[in-house]
């Protein structure tokens, strides 16, 4: 579907290394790999000849010819990300440096995909035109939505997305967008986005809590998102099996319902994110109700994964994330008064919508990176 070159394993690994450290001297790359200086020199030349690298002569700093400075040619390729949520969609474009170039939020009725997808396709074309990106430079479409994989590429999504559920959308999306399609559930996609342009810039291993219509998550170890055998690693809600526990899990749709019951006019989860007021009636009661379940998840992740951080992400309003973080309680008892070192609890720091960005980055990684 795309006309981009097929890279070797070593080319992918080196391109990814350059992306993470750019701009970087070519001579420094040898110290960061197991490759010889001659191999690095050859590979950099090959990747540059493919139009994916920018090589510039560095200023002299001593005797001899200086090593050139190498960086990714950001505009050599782009990927499109599409997040389908219960009350709208999010489109984004990322460049080869994995930076967010543009994003568009599309509040709309998502109940019928035959009506929603053509509108999304038209908005994608408009977005590319506005930022001046030739679609020939698109390497793929990363597609994501909430829920879990019931089968390969088949999501089991929340009730408002029934029409999108339990069906492989690959052919439909490929035909509509004319791009190779890469699937990921929105929680893991959010973790990928957080790893590339959020908390992951300073934390290598973390658990990602996705507060959306439902509640899920993702796991990032040494910068790589873990997906599991069926793509469902991070489905933290499966721990809630007792009477009433599922109803009291820390999902945002129950909060929307609780607010409406108190007379607060909230259209949905996305509206909640943008207009959240901690003083709204029903907020404090909802927090009281869900904290035992949230504490169990946080403490369990602490003990099982030993992450450096646990990120409160998804569609949660930043103020609400801070409120929940302040309420988390770890066990106080410890042998010899020396407990397990605790992870940092952090609100999401990702630029834009991390799930949409993460989906687009998955498409980039499949084509170019290791």
Protein backbone atom coordinates (compact mmCIF):
# COMPACT_ATOMS: atom_id res chain seq x y z
CA UNK A 1 0.00 0.00 0.00
CA UNK A 2 2.91 2.38 0.75
CA UNK A 3 5.88 3.13 -1.51
CA UNK A 4 8.46 3.49 1.26
CA UNK A 5 11.64 1.38 1.26
CA UNK A 6 11.84 -1.80 3.30
CA UNK A 7 14.54 -1.30 5.92
CA UNK A 8 16.81 -4.00 7.30
CA UNK A 9 16.88 -4.80 11.00
CA UNK A 10 20.13 -2.85 11.49
CA UNK A 11 18.80 0.13 9.54
CA UNK A 12 15.66 0.22 11.69
CA UNK A 13 17.62 -0.03 14.92
CA UNK A 14 20.02 2.73 13.89
CA UNK A 15 17.24 5.02 12.65
CA UNK A 16 15.41 4.58 15.97
CA UNK A 17 18.60 5.30 17.91
CA UNK A 18 19.17 8.48 15.91
CA UNK A 19 15.56 9.56 16.48
CA UNK A 20 15.94 9.22 20.24
CA UNK A 21 19.26 11.09 20.46
CA UNK A 22 19.10 13.55 17.57
CA UNK A 23 20.98 15.55 16.59
CA UNK A 24 23.90 13.22 17.23
CA UNK A 25 27.44 12.94 15.90
CA UNK A 26 27.92 9.92 13.65
CA UNK A 27 31.00 8.95 15.66
CA UNK A 28 28.91 8.81 18.85
CA UNK A 29 26.58 6.23 17.30
CA UNK A 30 29.36 3.65 17.35
CA UNK A 31 29.60 3.95 21.14
CA UNK A 32 25.84 3.33 21.48
CA UNK A 33 25.71 0.18 19.34
CA UNK A 34 27.50 -3.13 18.88
CA UNK A 35 28.35 -2.13 15.31
CA UNK A 36 31.78 -1.24 14.01
CA UNK A 37 32.60 2.29 12.93
CA UNK A 38 32.66 1.15 9.31
CA UNK A 39 29.20 -0.46 9.63
CA UNK A 40 27.72 2.66 11.22
CA UNK A 41 29.25 4.82 8.48
CA UNK A 42 27.82 2.55 5.79
CA UNK A 43 24.34 2.29 7.37
CA UNK A 44 24.06 6.05 7.91
CA UNK A 45 24.93 6.55 4.26
CA UNK A 46 22.34 4.01 3.14
CA UNK A 47 19.56 5.53 5.25
CA UNK A 48 20.50 9.03 4.10
CA UNK A 49 20.38 7.87 0.47
CA UNK A 50 16.81 6.69 1.12
CA UNK A 51 15.91 10.25 2.11
CA UNK A 52 15.25 9.47 5.78
CA UNK A 53 18.26 11.17 7.38
CA UNK A 54 19.75 14.63 7.36
CA UNK A 55 23.55 14.67 7.57
CA UNK A 56 25.26 17.99 8.29
CA UNK A 57 28.90 18.82 8.70
CA UNK A 58 29.68 19.71 12.33
CA UNK A 59 31.78 22.69 13.30
CA UNK A 60 35.50 21.88 13.86
CA UNK A 61 36.42 21.40 17.52
CA UNK A 62 40.02 20.29 17.15
CA UNK A 63 42.49 18.77 14.72
CA UNK A 64 41.12 16.54 12.00
CA UNK A 65 37.86 16.47 10.12
CA UNK A 66 34.85 16.59 12.48
CA UNK A 67 32.26 13.81 12.45
CA UNK A 68 29.01 14.87 10.75
CA UNK A 69 25.87 15.56 12.77
CA UNK A 70 22.98 13.22 12.00
CA UNK A 71 19.23 13.66 12.54
CA UNK A 72 16.00 12.19 11.23
CA UNK A 73 14.50 14.01 8.25
CA UNK A 74 11.21 14.72 9.97
CA UNK A 75 9.19 15.50 6.86
CA UNK A 76 10.27 12.34 5.00
CA UNK A 77 7.24 10.43 6.24
CA UNK A 78 4.10 10.86 8.31
CA UNK A 79 1.49 8.63 9.89
CA UNK A 80 -2.18 9.24 10.52
CA UNK A 81 -3.78 8.28 13.83
CA UNK A 82 -7.50 7.73 14.36
CA UNK A 83 -9.06 7.31 17.78
CA UNK A 84 -12.73 6.36 17.85
CA UNK A 85 -14.34 7.22 21.18
CA UNK A 86 -17.88 6.83 22.46
CA UNK A 87 -18.74 10.48 21.82
CA UNK A 88 -16.47 11.49 18.95
CA UNK A 89 -13.21 10.86 17.16
CA UNK A 90 -9.71 12.28 17.22
CA UNK A 91 -7.42 12.53 14.19
CA UNK A 92 -3.71 13.29 14.40
CA UNK A 93 -0.64 13.45 12.20
CA UNK A 94 2.86 12.59 13.44
CA UNK A 95 6.12 12.98 11.54
CA UNK A 96 9.12 10.67 11.24
CA UNK A 97 10.64 12.20 14.39
CA UNK A 98 7.50 10.96 16.21
CA UNK A 99 6.38 14.51 16.90
CA UNK A 100 2.74 15.53 16.84
CA UNK A 101 2.21 17.77 13.80
CA UNK A 102 -1.54 18.36 13.97
CA UNK A 103 -4.61 17.12 15.80
CA UNK A 104 -8.34 17.51 15.28
CA UNK A 105 -11.12 16.54 17.68
CA UNK A 106 -14.42 15.63 16.05
CA UNK A 107 -17.42 15.57 18.40
CA UNK A 108 -20.06 13.49 16.62
CA UNK A 109 -22.50 10.63 16.92
CA UNK A 110 -20.41 7.48 16.62
CA UNK A 111 -23.24 4.92 16.83
CA UNK A 112 -23.27 4.20 13.06
CA UNK A 113 -19.83 3.77 11.52
CA UNK A 114 -21.22 3.93 7.94
CA UNK A 115 -22.16 7.54 8.66
CA UNK A 116 -19.18 8.47 10.85
CA UNK A 117 -16.31 7.11 8.75
CA UNK A 118 -16.89 9.18 5.57
CA UNK A 119 -17.00 12.33 7.71
CA UNK A 120 -13.77 11.31 9.43
CA UNK A 121 -12.15 10.58 6.05
CA UNK A 122 -13.13 14.04 4.76
CA UNK A 123 -11.72 15.69 7.91
CA UNK A 124 -8.47 13.76 7.49
CA UNK A 125 -8.07 15.09 3.95
CA UNK A 126 -8.85 18.61 5.16
CA UNK A 127 -6.32 18.31 7.99
CA UNK A 128 -3.55 17.15 5.62
CA UNK A 129 -4.34 19.99 3.23
CA UNK A 130 -4.22 22.58 6.00
CA UNK A 131 -0.75 21.53 7.17
CA UNK A 132 0.54 20.92 3.65
CA UNK A 133 1.22 17.18 3.78
CA UNK A 134 1.17 15.18 0.56
CA UNK A 135 -0.71 11.93 1.20
CA UNK A 136 2.06 10.12 -0.70
CA UNK A 137 4.18 10.72 2.41
CA UNK A 138 1.73 8.85 4.65
CA UNK A 139 3.11 5.46 5.66
CA UNK A 140 -0.03 4.15 7.32
CA UNK A 141 -3.08 4.60 9.53
CA UNK A 142 -3.00 3.71 13.21
CA UNK A 143 -6.54 2.86 14.33
CA UNK A 144 -7.57 2.64 17.95
CA UNK A 145 -10.69 2.46 20.08
CA UNK A 146 -11.58 1.52 23.66
CA UNK A 147 -12.26 -2.07 24.59
CA UNK A 148 -10.32 -5.28 24.27
CA UNK A 149 -9.44 -7.59 21.40
CA UNK A 150 -11.97 -10.43 21.23
CA UNK A 151 -10.07 -11.75 18.19
CA UNK A 152 -7.20 -10.38 16.09
CA UNK A 153 -8.18 -6.87 14.89
CA UNK A 154 -11.70 -7.26 16.33
CA UNK A 155 -12.53 -4.94 19.24
CA UNK A 156 -15.10 -5.62 21.93
CA UNK A 157 -15.94 -1.98 22.62
CA UNK A 158 -18.37 -0.23 25.02
CA UNK A 159 -22.07 -0.29 24.20
CA UNK A 160 -22.16 3.08 22.35
CA UNK A 161 -19.69 1.54 19.87
CA UNK A 162 -21.59 -1.71 19.28
CA UNK A 163 -21.58 -1.11 15.51
CA UNK A 164 -17.76 -0.99 15.58
CA UNK A 165 -17.41 -4.14 17.68
CA UNK A 166 -16.60 -7.77 16.89
CA UNK A 167 -15.78 -7.05 13.26
CA UNK A 168 -12.43 -6.79 11.49
CA UNK A 169 -12.42 -3.24 10.10
CA UNK A 170 -9.13 -3.59 8.23
CA UNK A 171 -10.55 -3.89 4.70
CA UNK A 172 -13.10 -1.16 5.31
CA UNK A 173 -10.49 1.27 6.65
CA UNK A 174 -7.94 0.36 3.98
CA UNK A 175 -10.48 0.93 1.23
CA UNK A 176 -11.60 4.25 2.69
CA UNK A 177 -8.20 5.75 3.52
CA UNK A 178 -6.00 3.94 0.99
CA UNK A 179 -3.43 3.15 3.70
CA UNK A 180 -2.03 0.15 5.52
CA UNK A 181 -3.90 -0.14 8.84
CA UNK A 182 -2.42 -0.94 12.25
CA UNK A 183 -4.73 -1.70 15.18
CA UNK A 184 -4.29 -1.06 18.91
CA UNK A 185 -6.71 -0.70 21.80
CA UNK A 186 -6.89 2.86 23.08
CA UNK A 187 -5.40 2.16 26.51
CA UNK A 188 -2.22 0.62 25.10
CA UNK A 189 -2.13 3.27 22.37
CA UNK A 190 -2.32 5.89 25.12
CA UNK A 191 0.62 4.23 26.86
CA UNK A 192 2.60 4.32 23.60
CA UNK A 193 1.82 8.03 23.18
CA UNK A 194 2.81 8.67 26.78
CA UNK A 195 6.06 6.76 26.30
CA UNK A 196 7.06 8.74 23.20
CA UNK A 197 6.05 12.29 24.08
CA UNK A 198 4.92 12.36 27.70
CA UNK A 199 6.11 10.87 30.98
CA UNK A 200 8.23 8.39 29.00
CA UNK A 201 10.72 11.13 28.19
CA UNK A 202 12.03 10.79 31.74
CA UNK A 203 10.59 7.46 32.92
CA UNK A 204 11.48 4.22 31.10
CA UNK A 205 9.03 1.84 32.82
CA UNK A 206 5.54 2.77 33.93
CA UNK A 207 1.96 1.58 34.18
CA UNK A 208 -0.66 3.65 32.39
CA UNK A 209 -4.18 3.97 33.80
CA UNK A 210 -6.73 4.84 31.09
CA UNK A 211 -9.74 6.57 32.61
CA UNK A 212 -12.23 6.66 29.74
CA UNK A 213 -15.87 5.63 29.23
CA UNK A 214 -14.60 2.44 30.83
CA UNK A 215 -11.33 1.75 32.64
CA UNK A 216 -8.25 0.00 31.31
CA UNK A 217 -4.55 0.54 31.00
CA UNK A 218 -1.22 -0.20 29.45
CA UNK A 219 2.24 -1.33 30.53
CA UNK A 220 5.52 0.14 29.30
CA UNK A 221 8.79 -1.60 30.17
CA UNK A 222 12.09 -0.02 29.13
CA UNK A 223 10.27 2.21 26.68
CA UNK A 224 8.32 -0.58 24.96
CA UNK A 225 4.59 -1.14 25.37
CA UNK A 226 3.72 -4.69 26.40
CA UNK A 227 0.73 -6.12 24.51
CA UNK A 228 0.47 -9.76 25.61
CA UNK A 229 -0.52 -12.78 23.52
CA UNK A 230 -3.89 -11.39 22.42
CA UNK A 231 -3.11 -7.69 22.61
CA UNK A 232 -4.94 -7.26 25.92
CA UNK A 233 -2.16 -6.63 28.43
CA UNK A 234 -3.32 -3.90 30.79
CA UNK A 235 -6.99 -4.89 31.03
CA UNK A 236 -6.95 -3.96 34.72
CA UNK A 237 -10.74 -4.05 35.08
CA UNK A 238 -10.65 -7.86 34.98
CA UNK A 239 -9.61 -7.75 38.64
CA UNK A 240 -13.07 -6.50 39.64
CA UNK A 241 -15.03 -9.72 40.16
CA UNK A 242 -16.81 -9.25 43.50
CA UNK A 243 -20.44 -8.11 43.98
CA UNK A 244 -20.81 -4.51 42.82
CA UNK A 245 -17.10 -4.08 42.11
CA UNK A 246 -17.49 -3.64 38.38
CA UNK A 247 -20.04 -0.86 38.92
CA UNK A 248 -17.62 0.93 41.27
CA UNK A 249 -14.54 0.68 39.06
CA UNK A 250 -12.88 4.04 38.30
CA UNK A 251 -14.52 4.56 34.89
CA UNK A 252 -15.73 8.00 33.81
CA UNK A 253 -19.13 7.08 32.36
CA UNK A 254 -20.49 6.25 35.86
CA UNK A 255 -19.24 9.66 36.97
CA UNK A 256 -21.14 11.29 34.10
CA UNK A 257 -24.30 9.47 35.20
CA UNK A 258 -23.75 10.47 38.82
CA UNK A 259 -23.35 14.12 37.84
CA UNK A 260 -26.51 14.07 35.73
CA UNK A 261 -28.39 12.59 38.69
CA UNK A 262 -27.27 15.63 40.68
CA UNK A 263 -28.57 17.99 38.00
CA UNK A 264 -25.21 18.75 36.35
CA UNK A 265 -25.60 19.02 32.57
CA UNK A 266 -22.72 16.95 31.15
CA UNK A 267 -22.99 15.72 27.56
CA UNK A 268 -20.49 12.88 27.91
CA UNK A 269 -16.94 11.92 28.80
CA UNK A 270 -15.30 14.38 26.41
CA UNK A 271 -17.48 17.21 27.71
CA UNK A 272 -16.53 16.16 31.24
CA UNK A 273 -12.84 16.45 30.39
CA UNK A 274 -13.16 19.99 29.04
CA UNK A 275 -15.59 21.46 31.59
CA UNK A 276 -14.79 19.57 34.77
CA UNK A 277 -15.41 21.44 38.02
CA UNK A 278 -14.25 19.75 41.24
CA UNK A 279 -17.04 21.54 43.10
CA UNK A 280 -19.80 19.85 41.09
CA UNK A 281 -22.21 17.91 43.33
CA UNK A 282 -21.55 14.19 43.04
CA UNK A 283 -17.79 14.41 42.41
CA UNK A 284 -16.72 13.84 46.03
CA UNK A 285 -19.18 10.97 46.43
CA UNK A 286 -17.93 9.29 43.25
CA UNK A 287 -14.32 9.56 44.43
CA UNK A 288 -15.23 8.03 47.80
CA UNK A 289 -16.94 5.14 46.05
CA UNK A 290 -14.20 4.26 43.56
CA UNK A 291 -11.10 4.77 45.71
CA UNK A 292 -11.04 1.25 47.23
CA UNK A 293 -10.95 -0.23 43.71
CA UNK A 294 -8.39 2.29 42.49
CA UNK A 295 -6.18 1.67 45.52
CA UNK A 296 -6.29 -2.05 44.78
CA UNK A 297 -5.14 -1.48 41.18
CA UNK A 298 -2.35 0.93 42.17
CA UNK A 299 -1.07 -1.24 45.02
CA UNK A 300 -1.28 -4.35 42.82
CA UNK A 301 0.71 -2.72 40.03
CA UNK A 302 3.23 -1.54 42.60
CA UNK A 303 3.83 -5.06 43.84
CA UNK A 304 3.59 -6.94 40.54
CA UNK A 305 5.42 -4.63 38.15
CA UNK A 306 7.56 -2.44 40.43
CA UNK A 307 7.22 0.43 37.93
CA UNK A 308 9.05 3.71 38.25
CA UNK A 309 5.74 5.54 37.84
CA UNK A 310 2.00 5.02 37.47
CA UNK A 311 0.43 7.49 35.06
CA UNK A 312 -3.17 8.68 35.39
CA UNK A 313 -4.22 9.15 31.76
CA UNK A 314 -6.95 8.54 29.21
CA UNK A 315 -9.75 11.12 29.06
CA UNK A 316 -9.57 12.07 32.72
CA UNK A 317 -9.57 15.83 33.43
CA UNK A 318 -6.12 16.84 34.77
CA UNK A 319 -7.63 18.33 37.94
CA UNK A 320 -9.53 15.10 38.64
CA UNK A 321 -6.34 13.08 38.07
CA UNK A 322 -4.57 15.18 40.70
CA UNK A 323 -7.50 14.67 43.11
CA UNK A 324 -7.31 10.89 42.72
CA UNK A 325 -3.53 10.84 43.08
CA UNK A 326 -3.83 12.73 46.37
CA UNK A 327 -6.26 10.11 47.70
CA UNK A 328 -4.26 6.96 46.86
CA UNK A 329 -3.19 5.06 49.97
CA UNK A 330 -0.43 2.47 50.10
CA UNK A 331 -0.25 -0.12 52.92
CA UNK A 332 1.50 1.35 55.94
CA UNK A 333 2.73 -1.86 57.55
CA UNK A 334 6.22 -2.97 56.59
CA UNK A 335 8.81 -5.36 57.98
CA UNK A 336 11.35 -3.46 60.12
CA UNK A 337 9.52 -0.26 59.12
CA UNK A 338 11.12 -0.48 55.68
CA UNK A 339 8.49 -0.88 52.96
CA UNK A 340 8.78 -1.38 49.22
CA UNK A 341 10.03 1.71 47.40
CA UNK A 342 6.93 3.31 45.87
CA UNK A 343 6.34 4.43 42.30
CA UNK A 344 5.67 8.05 41.45
CA UNK A 345 2.02 8.80 40.75
CA UNK A 346 1.82 11.23 37.84
CA UNK A 347 -0.88 12.82 35.68
CA UNK A 348 -0.45 12.37 31.95
CA UNK A 349 2.03 14.74 30.32
CA UNK A 350 1.52 13.67 26.72
CA UNK A 351 1.01 16.33 24.12
CA UNK A 352 -2.41 16.17 22.51
CA UNK A 353 -4.53 13.00 22.69
CA UNK A 354 -2.06 10.23 23.63
CA UNK A 355 -4.20 7.37 22.29
CA UNK A 356 -4.50 8.93 18.82
CA UNK A 357 -0.80 9.81 18.83
CA UNK A 358 0.13 6.33 20.03
CA UNK A 359 -1.90 4.73 17.25
CA UNK A 360 -0.11 6.83 14.63
CA UNK A 361 3.25 6.00 16.19
CA UNK A 362 2.46 2.30 15.89
CA UNK A 363 2.14 2.77 12.13
CA UNK A 364 5.48 4.62 12.01
CA UNK A 365 7.20 1.95 14.08
CA UNK A 366 5.91 -0.83 11.85
CA UNK A 367 7.43 0.84 8.80
CA UNK A 368 10.64 2.42 10.06
CA UNK A 369 11.71 1.60 13.61
CA UNK A 370 12.90 -1.39 15.58
